[in-house]
Amino acid sequence: MAPKLHNISELHDINEQIMPLKVLADRERRAIYGLTGMVYTPHIDDYMQASIKKAEILACLKVQGLLPLSEVEVITIALDFQHKRARNNAIVEYDGNAYQRKFSPLKLSKSGKVVRTWAKYWFLQLPSGRADPEWEAQVREIWPTYFLIRTIDI
């Protein structure tokens, strides 16, 4: 069976669902800031699931040619091609801007002590040396699964 193709109205619908979820997730993040151990986070979990669904819809629309690739995706593809072996926190220059390579744990072993798979992405660096928050937000929107840690494959 062929995968279901998404349409623009589904993107609008998911955007409507995400707005209130983000407000609740941000409030929950502030409430649990500094806590350690297993913390119940239903609002953050709901927001992440909606974000993953939105990313799937966006990717499908881009494959169909209904939406163009974003600047973040185009530059990421170019940087990945030119700097295949860049290490974590390596800074490279591309088209007059500095970009920092970042790695995050994507999949852990069952014990949780060994990283099995790493997520690799680039952040645009501001002249101050900090990551551009707008660029970072786009990376998190395009690839939300990069910021979830799993112990098993999904």
N, C-alpha and C. Protein backbone atom coordinates (compact mmCIF):
# COMPACT_ATOMS: atom_id res chain seq x y z
N MET A 1 0.85 -1.19 0.00
CA MET A 1 0.00 0.00 0.00
C MET A 1 0.89 1.25 0.00
N ALA A 2 0.61 2.18 -0.89
CA ALA A 2 1.39 3.41 -1.00
C ALA A 2 1.09 4.32 0.19
N PRO A 3 2.11 5.06 0.68
CA PRO A 3 1.86 5.97 1.80
C PRO A 3 0.90 7.09 1.39
N LYS A 4 0.11 7.54 2.35
CA LYS A 4 -0.86 8.61 2.10
C LYS A 4 -0.12 9.92 1.87
N LEU A 5 -0.49 10.61 0.80
CA LEU A 5 0.09 11.92 0.53
C LEU A 5 -0.69 12.97 1.32
N HIS A 6 0.02 13.92 1.88
CA HIS A 6 -0.60 14.98 2.66
C HIS A 6 -0.93 16.17 1.77
N ASN A 7 -1.81 17.05 2.27
CA ASN A 7 -2.13 18.26 1.52
C ASN A 7 -1.99 19.49 2.42
N ILE A 8 -2.08 20.65 1.80
CA ILE A 8 -1.86 21.92 2.50
C ILE A 8 -2.87 22.12 3.64
N SER A 9 -4.11 21.66 3.48
CA SER A 9 -5.10 21.86 4.54
C SER A 9 -4.71 21.10 5.81
N GLU A 10 -4.04 19.95 5.66
CA GLU A 10 -3.57 19.22 6.84
C GLU A 10 -2.50 20.01 7.59
N LEU A 11 -1.66 20.73 6.84
CA LEU A 11 -0.66 21.59 7.47
C LEU A 11 -1.34 22.70 8.27
N HIS A 12 -2.38 23.29 7.70
CA HIS A 12 -3.12 24.33 8.42
C HIS A 12 -3.75 23.76 9.68
N ASP A 13 -4.35 22.58 9.58
CA ASP A 13 -5.00 21.94 10.73
C ASP A 13 -4.00 21.65 11.85
N ILE A 14 -2.83 21.10 11.50
CA ILE A 14 -1.84 20.77 12.53
C ILE A 14 -1.28 22.04 13.16
N ASN A 15 -1.13 23.10 12.39
CA ASN A 15 -0.68 24.38 12.96
C ASN A 15 -1.69 24.90 13.99
N GLU A 16 -2.98 24.72 13.71
CA GLU A 16 -4.02 25.13 14.66
C GLU A 16 -3.95 24.29 15.95
N GLN A 17 -3.61 23.01 15.82
CA GLN A 17 -3.50 22.14 16.99
C GLN A 17 -2.26 22.47 17.82
N ILE A 18 -1.18 22.83 17.15
CA ILE A 18 0.10 23.04 17.83
C ILE A 18 0.11 24.29 18.71
N MET A 19 -0.55 25.35 18.28
CA MET A 19 -0.48 26.61 19.02
C MET A 19 -0.84 26.46 20.50
N PRO A 20 -2.01 25.92 20.86
CA PRO A 20 -2.31 25.79 22.29
C PRO A 20 -1.41 24.76 22.99
N LEU A 21 -0.99 23.73 22.27
CA LEU A 21 -0.10 22.72 22.87
C LEU A 21 1.25 23.33 23.24
N LYS A 22 1.75 24.24 22.39
CA LYS A 22 3.03 24.88 22.68
C LYS A 22 2.96 25.74 23.93
N VAL A 23 1.85 26.44 24.11
CA VAL A 23 1.67 27.27 25.31
C VAL A 23 1.72 26.39 26.56
N LEU A 24 1.00 25.27 26.54
CA LEU A 24 0.99 24.36 27.69
C LEU A 24 2.36 23.73 27.91
N ALA A 25 3.03 23.34 26.82
CA ALA A 25 4.35 22.71 26.94
C ALA A 25 5.37 23.69 27.51
N ASP A 26 5.33 24.95 27.06
CA ASP A 26 6.26 25.96 27.59
C ASP A 26 6.00 26.20 29.08
N ARG A 27 4.73 26.23 29.49
CA ARG A 27 4.39 26.42 30.90
C ARG A 27 4.90 25.22 31.72
N GLU A 28 4.74 24.02 31.16
CA GLU A 28 5.21 22.82 31.85
C GLU A 28 6.74 22.81 31.97
N ARG A 29 7.45 23.25 30.91
CA ARG A 29 8.92 23.33 30.97
C ARG A 29 9.38 24.26 32.08
N ARG A 30 8.71 25.41 32.20
CA ARG A 30 9.07 26.36 33.27
C ARG A 30 8.80 25.75 34.65
N ALA A 31 7.71 24.98 34.78
CA ALA A 31 7.34 24.40 36.07
C ALA A 31 8.31 23.31 36.51
N ILE A 32 8.89 22.57 35.55
CA ILE A 32 9.77 21.46 35.93
C ILE A 32 11.24 21.83 35.85
N TYR A 33 11.55 23.08 35.51
CA TYR A 33 12.94 23.50 35.37
C TYR A 33 13.72 23.20 36.65
N GLY A 34 14.82 22.49 36.52
CA GLY A 34 15.67 22.18 37.65
C GLY A 34 15.36 20.86 38.34
N LEU A 35 14.22 20.27 38.02
CA LEU A 35 13.88 18.98 38.62
C LEU A 35 14.69 17.88 37.95
N THR A 36 15.00 16.83 38.68
CA THR A 36 15.74 15.71 38.12
C THR A 36 14.93 14.44 38.29
N GLY A 37 15.38 13.38 37.62
CA GLY A 37 14.69 12.10 37.71
C GLY A 37 13.56 12.01 36.70
N MET A 38 12.70 11.05 36.89
CA MET A 38 11.56 10.84 35.99
C MET A 38 10.48 11.86 36.32
N VAL A 39 10.19 12.74 35.37
CA VAL A 39 9.18 13.78 35.57
C VAL A 39 8.08 13.56 34.55
N TYR A 40 6.84 13.53 35.01
CA TYR A 40 5.69 13.34 34.14
C TYR A 40 5.44 14.62 33.35
N THR A 41 5.47 14.52 32.01
CA THR A 41 5.35 15.71 31.17
C THR A 41 4.32 15.48 30.05
N PRO A 42 3.05 15.39 30.38
CA PRO A 42 2.05 15.10 29.33
C PRO A 42 1.92 16.20 28.29
N HIS A 43 2.04 17.47 28.68
CA HIS A 43 1.88 18.56 27.73
C HIS A 43 3.06 18.63 26.76
N ILE A 44 4.26 18.45 27.28
CA ILE A 44 5.44 18.44 26.41
C ILE A 44 5.36 17.25 25.46
N ASP A 45 4.94 16.10 25.97
CA ASP A 45 4.81 14.91 25.12
C ASP A 45 3.79 15.12 24.01
N ASP A 46 2.64 15.70 24.34
CA ASP A 46 1.61 15.97 23.33
C ASP A 46 2.12 16.95 22.27
N TYR A 47 2.81 17.98 22.73
CA TYR A 47 3.38 18.97 21.80
C TYR A 47 4.40 18.33 20.87
N MET A 48 5.26 17.46 21.42
CA MET A 48 6.28 16.80 20.59
C MET A 48 5.63 15.89 19.56
N GLN A 49 4.58 15.16 19.93
CA GLN A 49 3.90 14.28 18.97
C GLN A 49 3.27 15.10 17.85
N ALA A 50 2.65 16.24 18.18
CA ALA A 50 2.08 17.11 17.16
C ALA A 50 3.18 17.71 16.28
N SER A 51 4.32 18.05 16.87
CA SER A 51 5.45 18.59 16.10
C SER A 51 5.99 17.55 15.13
N ILE A 52 6.06 16.30 15.56
CA ILE A 52 6.53 15.23 14.68
C ILE A 52 5.56 15.03 13.52
N LYS A 53 4.26 15.08 13.81
CA LYS A 53 3.25 14.96 12.75
C LYS A 53 3.38 16.12 11.76
N LYS A 54 3.61 17.33 12.28
CA LYS A 54 3.77 18.49 11.40
C LYS A 54 5.00 18.33 10.51
N ALA A 55 6.10 17.83 11.08
CA ALA A 55 7.31 17.62 10.30
C ALA A 55 7.08 16.60 9.19
N GLU A 56 6.31 15.55 9.48
CA GLU A 56 5.98 14.55 8.45
C GLU A 56 5.18 15.18 7.32
N ILE A 57 4.20 16.01 7.68
CA ILE A 57 3.38 16.68 6.66
C ILE A 57 4.24 17.61 5.82
N LEU A 58 5.09 18.41 6.47
CA LEU A 58 5.97 19.33 5.74
C LEU A 58 6.88 18.57 4.78
N ALA A 59 7.49 17.48 5.25
CA ALA A 59 8.39 16.69 4.40
C ALA A 59 7.64 16.12 3.20
N CYS A 60 6.43 15.63 3.41
CA CYS A 60 5.62 15.08 2.33
C CYS A 60 5.28 16.16 1.29
N LEU A 61 4.89 17.33 1.76
CA LEU A 61 4.55 18.43 0.85
C LEU A 61 5.77 18.88 0.05
N LYS A 62 6.94 18.84 0.66
CA LYS A 62 8.17 19.22 -0.05
C LYS A 62 8.55 18.18 -1.09
N VAL A 63 8.36 16.90 -0.78
CA VAL A 63 8.63 15.83 -1.75
C VAL A 63 7.69 15.95 -2.94
N GLN A 64 6.44 16.33 -2.68
CA GLN A 64 5.46 16.49 -3.76
C GLN A 64 5.71 17.75 -4.58
N GLY A 65 6.57 18.65 -4.08
CA GLY A 65 6.84 19.89 -4.80
C GLY A 65 5.83 20.98 -4.49
N LEU A 66 4.97 20.76 -3.50
CA LEU A 66 3.98 21.78 -3.13
C LEU A 66 4.58 22.88 -2.28
N LEU A 67 5.66 22.57 -1.57
CA LEU A 67 6.40 23.56 -0.78
C LEU A 67 7.88 23.46 -1.17
N PRO A 68 8.58 24.59 -1.21
CA PRO A 68 10.02 24.52 -1.50
C PRO A 68 10.80 24.15 -0.25
N LEU A 69 12.03 23.67 -0.45
CA LEU A 69 12.92 23.43 0.69
C LEU A 69 13.23 24.78 1.33
N SER A 70 13.36 24.79 2.63
CA SER A 70 13.69 26.03 3.34
C SER A 70 15.18 26.32 3.18
N GLU A 71 15.56 27.54 3.50
CA GLU A 71 16.97 27.93 3.46
C GLU A 71 17.79 27.06 4.41
N VAL A 72 17.23 26.73 5.56
CA VAL A 72 17.91 25.87 6.53
C VAL A 72 18.23 24.51 5.91
N GLU A 73 17.26 23.94 5.21
CA GLU A 73 17.47 22.62 4.59
C GLU A 73 18.49 22.68 3.46
N VAL A 74 18.43 23.71 2.64
CA VAL A 74 19.36 23.85 1.52
C VAL A 74 20.79 24.00 2.04
N ILE A 75 20.98 24.86 3.03
CA ILE A 75 22.32 25.10 3.59
C ILE A 75 22.80 23.86 4.33
N THR A 76 21.92 23.18 5.05
CA THR A 76 22.30 21.95 5.75
C THR A 76 22.79 20.89 4.78
N ILE A 77 22.10 20.72 3.67
CA ILE A 77 22.52 19.75 2.65
C ILE A 77 23.90 20.11 2.12
N ALA A 78 24.13 21.39 1.83
CA ALA A 78 25.43 21.83 1.32
C ALA A 78 26.53 21.62 2.36
N LEU A 79 26.26 21.98 3.61
CA LEU A 79 27.27 21.82 4.67
C LEU A 79 27.56 20.34 4.93
N ASP A 80 26.53 19.51 4.93
CA ASP A 80 26.74 18.07 5.13
C ASP A 80 27.60 17.49 4.01
N PHE A 81 27.40 17.96 2.79
CA PHE A 81 28.18 17.48 1.66
C PHE A 81 29.64 17.94 1.76
N GLN A 82 29.84 19.21 2.09
CA GLN A 82 31.20 19.77 2.13
C GLN A 82 31.98 19.37 3.38
N HIS A 83 31.30 19.10 4.47
CA HIS A 83 31.98 18.83 5.75
C HIS A 83 31.44 17.54 6.37
N LYS A 84 31.63 16.44 5.65
CA LYS A 84 31.12 15.14 6.09
C LYS A 84 31.69 14.71 7.43
N ARG A 85 32.92 15.06 7.71
CA ARG A 85 33.60 14.59 8.92
C ARG A 85 33.70 15.65 10.01
N ALA A 86 32.89 16.68 9.94
CA ALA A 86 32.94 17.73 10.97
C ALA A 86 32.56 17.15 12.33
N ARG A 87 33.31 17.52 13.34
CA ARG A 87 33.08 17.04 14.70
C ARG A 87 32.10 17.97 15.42
N ASN A 88 31.63 17.51 16.58
CA ASN A 88 30.73 18.30 17.40
C ASN A 88 31.39 19.64 17.76
N ASN A 89 30.64 20.70 17.65
CA ASN A 89 31.06 22.08 17.93
C ASN A 89 32.06 22.65 16.94
N ALA A 90 32.38 21.92 15.85
CA ALA A 90 33.26 22.47 14.81
C ALA A 90 32.54 23.65 14.15
N ILE A 91 33.27 24.70 13.89
CA ILE A 91 32.70 25.88 13.24
C ILE A 91 33.31 25.99 11.85
N VAL A 92 32.43 26.11 10.85
CA VAL A 92 32.88 26.24 9.46
C VAL A 92 32.23 27.48 8.87
N GLU A 93 32.85 27.98 7.82
CA GLU A 93 32.30 29.15 7.14
C GLU A 93 31.67 28.71 5.83
N TYR A 94 30.51 29.26 5.54
CA TYR A 94 29.82 28.96 4.29
C TYR A 94 29.08 30.21 3.85
N ASP A 95 29.36 30.67 2.68
CA ASP A 95 28.67 31.82 2.09
C ASP A 95 28.71 33.05 3.01
N GLY A 96 29.85 33.26 3.67
CA GLY A 96 30.04 34.44 4.52
C GLY A 96 29.49 34.32 5.93
N ASN A 97 28.91 33.19 6.28
CA ASN A 97 28.37 32.99 7.63
C ASN A 97 29.08 31.83 8.30
N ALA A 98 29.10 31.85 9.63
CA ALA A 98 29.70 30.77 10.40
C ALA A 98 28.58 29.83 10.87
N TYR A 99 28.85 28.52 10.76
CA TYR A 99 27.90 27.49 11.17
C TYR A 99 28.61 26.53 12.12
N GLN A 100 27.90 26.13 13.16
CA GLN A 100 28.47 25.21 14.14
C GLN A 100 27.78 23.86 14.03
N ARG A 101 28.59 22.80 13.93
CA ARG A 101 28.08 21.43 13.87
C ARG A 101 27.69 21.00 15.28
N LYS A 102 26.51 20.43 15.42
CA LYS A 102 26.04 19.97 16.72
C LYS A 102 25.62 18.51 16.60
N PHE A 103 25.86 17.76 17.66
CA PHE A 103 25.44 16.37 17.77
C PHE A 103 24.57 16.25 19.01
N SER A 104 23.50 15.46 18.90
CA SER A 104 22.64 15.15 20.05
C SER A 104 22.39 13.66 20.07
N PRO A 105 22.27 13.06 21.25
CA PRO A 105 21.94 11.64 21.29
C PRO A 105 20.55 11.41 20.72
N LEU A 106 20.44 10.48 19.79
CA LEU A 106 19.15 10.20 19.15
C LEU A 106 18.58 8.88 19.64
N LYS A 107 19.44 7.89 19.81
CA LYS A 107 18.98 6.59 20.29
C LYS A 107 20.01 6.04 21.26
N LEU A 108 19.53 5.59 22.42
CA LEU A 108 20.40 5.03 23.45
C LEU A 108 20.24 3.52 23.49
N SER A 109 21.22 2.87 24.09
CA SER A 109 21.11 1.43 24.33
C SER A 109 20.01 1.19 25.36
N LYS A 110 19.62 -0.06 25.55
CA LYS A 110 18.57 -0.37 26.52
C LYS A 110 18.97 0.06 27.93
N SER A 111 20.25 -0.02 28.24
CA SER A 111 20.71 0.41 29.57
C SER A 111 20.70 1.93 29.70
N GLY A 112 20.71 2.63 28.57
CA GLY A 112 20.73 4.09 28.59
C GLY A 112 22.11 4.68 28.78
N LYS A 113 23.15 3.83 28.73
CA LYS A 113 24.50 4.30 28.98
C LYS A 113 25.32 4.52 27.71
N VAL A 114 24.87 3.95 26.58
CA VAL A 114 25.62 4.05 25.33
C VAL A 114 24.73 4.69 24.27
N VAL A 115 25.27 5.68 23.56
CA VAL A 115 24.54 6.30 22.47
C VAL A 115 24.72 5.43 21.23
N ARG A 116 23.60 4.97 20.67
CA ARG A 116 23.63 4.12 19.48
C ARG A 116 23.60 4.95 18.20
N THR A 117 22.84 6.04 18.21
CA THR A 117 22.70 6.89 17.03
C THR A 117 22.75 8.35 17.46
N TRP A 118 23.45 9.15 16.66
CA TRP A 118 23.56 10.59 16.93
C TRP A 118 22.78 11.37 15.87
N ALA A 119 22.10 12.42 16.29
CA ALA A 119 21.48 13.38 15.37
C ALA A 119 22.54 14.44 15.07
N LYS A 120 22.68 14.79 13.80
CA LYS A 120 23.67 15.79 13.38
C LYS A 120 22.96 16.93 12.69
N TYR A 121 23.25 18.15 13.11
CA TYR A 121 22.63 19.32 12.51
C TYR A 121 23.57 20.51 12.64
N TRP A 122 23.23 21.60 11.99
CA TRP A 122 24.06 22.81 11.97
C TRP A 122 23.28 23.97 12.58
N PHE A 123 23.97 24.82 13.33
CA PHE A 123 23.38 26.05 13.83
C PHE A 123 24.15 27.24 13.24
N LEU A 124 23.41 28.24 12.79
CA LEU A 124 24.00 29.49 12.32
C LEU A 124 24.51 30.26 13.53
N GLN A 125 25.75 30.74 13.45
CA GLN A 125 26.35 31.49 14.55
C GLN A 125 26.19 32.99 14.32
N LEU A 126 25.76 33.67 15.36
CA LEU A 126 25.68 35.14 15.32
C LEU A 126 27.08 35.70 15.56
N PRO A 127 27.33 36.97 15.24
CA PRO A 127 28.66 37.56 15.49
C PRO A 127 29.08 37.45 16.96
N SER A 128 28.12 37.37 17.88
CA SER A 128 28.45 37.25 19.31
C SER A 128 28.95 35.84 19.66
N GLY A 129 28.82 34.90 18.73
CA GLY A 129 29.25 33.52 18.98
C GLY A 129 28.13 32.61 19.44
N ARG A 130 26.96 33.18 19.66
CA ARG A 130 25.80 32.38 20.08
C ARG A 130 25.05 31.88 18.85
N ALA A 131 24.26 30.83 19.03
CA ALA A 131 23.45 30.30 17.93
C ALA A 131 22.28 31.24 17.66
N ASP A 132 21.95 31.41 16.39
CA ASP A 132 20.82 32.24 15.99
C ASP A 132 19.52 31.54 16.44
N PRO A 133 18.73 32.18 17.33
CA PRO A 133 17.53 31.51 17.85
C PRO A 133 16.49 31.20 16.76
N GLU A 134 16.39 32.05 15.75
CA GLU A 134 15.43 31.81 14.67
C GLU A 134 15.84 30.58 13.86
N TRP A 135 17.13 30.45 13.57
CA TRP A 135 17.66 29.29 12.85
C TRP A 135 17.41 28.02 13.68
N GLU A 136 17.71 28.10 14.98
CA GLU A 136 17.52 26.95 15.86
C GLU A 136 16.05 26.53 15.90
N ALA A 137 15.14 27.49 15.93
CA ALA A 137 13.71 27.17 15.94
C ALA A 137 13.30 26.45 14.66
N GLN A 138 13.87 26.87 13.53
CA GLN A 138 13.57 26.20 12.26
C GLN A 138 14.12 24.78 12.24
N VAL A 139 15.32 24.58 12.78
CA VAL A 139 15.89 23.23 12.86
C VAL A 139 14.98 22.35 13.71
N ARG A 140 14.52 22.86 14.83
CA ARG A 140 13.65 22.08 15.72
C ARG A 140 12.29 21.80 15.07
N GLU A 141 11.82 22.69 14.20
CA GLU A 141 10.55 22.47 13.51
C GLU A 141 10.70 21.44 12.39
N ILE A 142 11.80 21.50 11.65
CA ILE A 142 12.02 20.60 10.52
C ILE A 142 12.34 19.19 11.00
N TRP A 143 13.18 19.08 12.03
CA TRP A 143 13.62 17.77 12.53
C TRP A 143 13.33 17.63 14.03
N PRO A 144 12.06 17.61 14.46
CA PRO A 144 11.77 17.54 15.89
C PRO A 144 12.26 16.25 16.54
N THR A 145 12.36 15.17 15.78
CA THR A 145 12.80 13.90 16.35
C THR A 145 14.26 13.94 16.78
N TYR A 146 15.02 14.92 16.28
CA TYR A 146 16.43 15.05 16.69
C TYR A 146 16.54 15.44 18.16
N PHE A 147 15.48 15.94 18.75
CA PHE A 147 15.55 16.45 20.11
C PHE A 147 14.78 15.57 21.10
N LEU A 148 14.50 14.33 20.68
CA LEU A 148 13.94 13.30 21.54
C LEU A 148 14.98 12.22 21.70
N ILE A 149 15.12 11.68 22.88
CA ILE A 149 16.05 10.57 23.09
C ILE A 149 15.23 9.31 23.26
N ARG A 150 15.59 8.29 22.49
CA ARG A 150 14.87 7.03 22.56
C ARG A 150 15.82 5.91 22.92
N THR A 151 15.31 4.90 23.61
CA THR A 151 16.13 3.73 23.92
C THR A 151 15.93 2.64 22.89
N ILE A 152 14.87 2.73 22.09
CA ILE A 152 14.62 1.70 21.07
C ILE A 152 14.29 2.36 19.75
N ASP A 153 14.36 1.60 18.66
CA ASP A 153 13.99 2.13 17.35
C ASP A 153 12.48 2.30 17.26
N ILE A 154 12.06 3.33 16.54
CA ILE A 154 10.62 3.52 16.29
C ILE A 154 10.36 3.16 14.85
